[in-house]
Amino acid sequence: MVDSLRKNKGHNLKSQKKFKDKYNNISKEKNKGKINQETLFIVNKISKKQIFKRWLKRFFLFCFILFFSMLMLAGFLLFRFSQTSKKVIIVKNKQKFSQSENVFATAKLAFNLLQIKNKNFQNIDLKGKEREQINILLLGIAGKGKAGTNLTDTIMLMSLNLKKKKIALLSLPRDLYYLNHNSQEEEFSGAKINSLYQRGINQHKGAQYIVKAVENVTGLPVDYYFILDFDGFKKIIDDIGGIDIYSERDYYDTRYPGPNYSYETFQLKKGWHHLNGETALKYARERHSDPEGDFGRAKRQQQVIQAVRDKIFSQNWLNIFKMNKLLGNIENNLKTNVDLDDIDDFVFLAYNLDTKNIINKAVDAWKQDSLLRVDHLNMNGIRAFILVPKKGYADYSDIHQLTKNLFQ
């Protein structure tokens, strides 16, 4: 019996040992599996972090490259715009067309053009703001290499009424005889108004004579001026893709001025036409076959200006990219006393003034109620055709009354 008990005890010990070993093996396997799962989880977690970091680096690299590229492009455009403005903008005085080296002003202009919709009339800083009327003299000249290089073929005063938000265009005929009361000061007593810009250049006074003459004739102060030659005029119209105009009559002129003092034929039928720069210039200058003479010519010039304005705004040309191209093409054809800092103010006015209902006036001598009359005067041994006020050679009171009521 004792042997039997010892045998059973040994058997139980063996069973317990087997069970314990089996339990330990199972525990080890479980622990091993747990360790493998935790290891796998940690590895996966590390891999995801690495992938995230890798893509994050790529994203920031892409953003940096994009930003750097845009910065380089903006820098190039600003540099190009600045170089263009150097040849166009006057910054020192009225006698010289000096070069602007203010790159910061160019950068400021680019920024202001982007913010143009947030601007208001109180923010503009232009001459004439205090009187709520800004007057701009527009002059068209033949340009270098052409007959009558600096004779002003077009003389037009653009008046911007800030209170009524309206625009008026007043045209003066190139044959208007201007009698100057201050002959000792300006070294001449009288001359055709279209010759005064050339006289100013000869006396190293730039546009001073023509500006003062227009002020005396109209009774309005001239705040700014733009002088554009024929080539610049054609470039602007070609750059914007031409203009659409309606011709009120047929035109057939065999004496239109050609190159080297020659003549050529200009012909245009009544109706709608799409004009390129060359044809638009002829349409604006033509006067021999127009029964209204200078008055009809002035109306066509005003019509062309409105058509150019409509085309520019319809294509959104007034942004930094297109303006850069446009100024680049006419950089040697345009002269003005407008500072680079002021361009965005003019763009703002162009956006916000009523350009659909421009008031058009022309001082002429071809109608019963005209303010001028035809006369002739001996000038340098030649009997010259001139236009003078009906009330007297230097009596511009009727024209002053016209400009006083320009916006009424």
Foldseek 3Di string as FASTA:
>chain_A
DVVVVVVVVVVVVVVVVVVVVVVVVVVVVVVVVVVVVVVVVVVVVVVVVVVVVVVVVVVVVVVVVVVVVVVVVVVVLLVLLQVLQQLAEQDDDQLDRGGDPPSVLSVVLQVLLVVLVVDDLVPADFPPSVVQKAKEWEFEAADPPFPRHQQGLWTWIWMARRVQLAIAIETEHQQAKQADPPCVVLVHGIDRLRCQQVSCVVVSRHCVRSQVRVCLQQVDHHRKYKYFYLVLQLLLQVLLPFFKDFAQAWDWDQAPQDGPRGTHIDTDGGTIDGDHSVNLSCQLNDAPRDLQGVQVSQVSVVRVVLRSLVSCVVVVCPHSVNVSVSSNSCSNGMYMNDHSNNPSVVVSSSVRGPSVDYHYHYQDDNDPPHQWHWDWDQDPNDTDIHIAGPVDRSDSVVSNVCSVVRPD
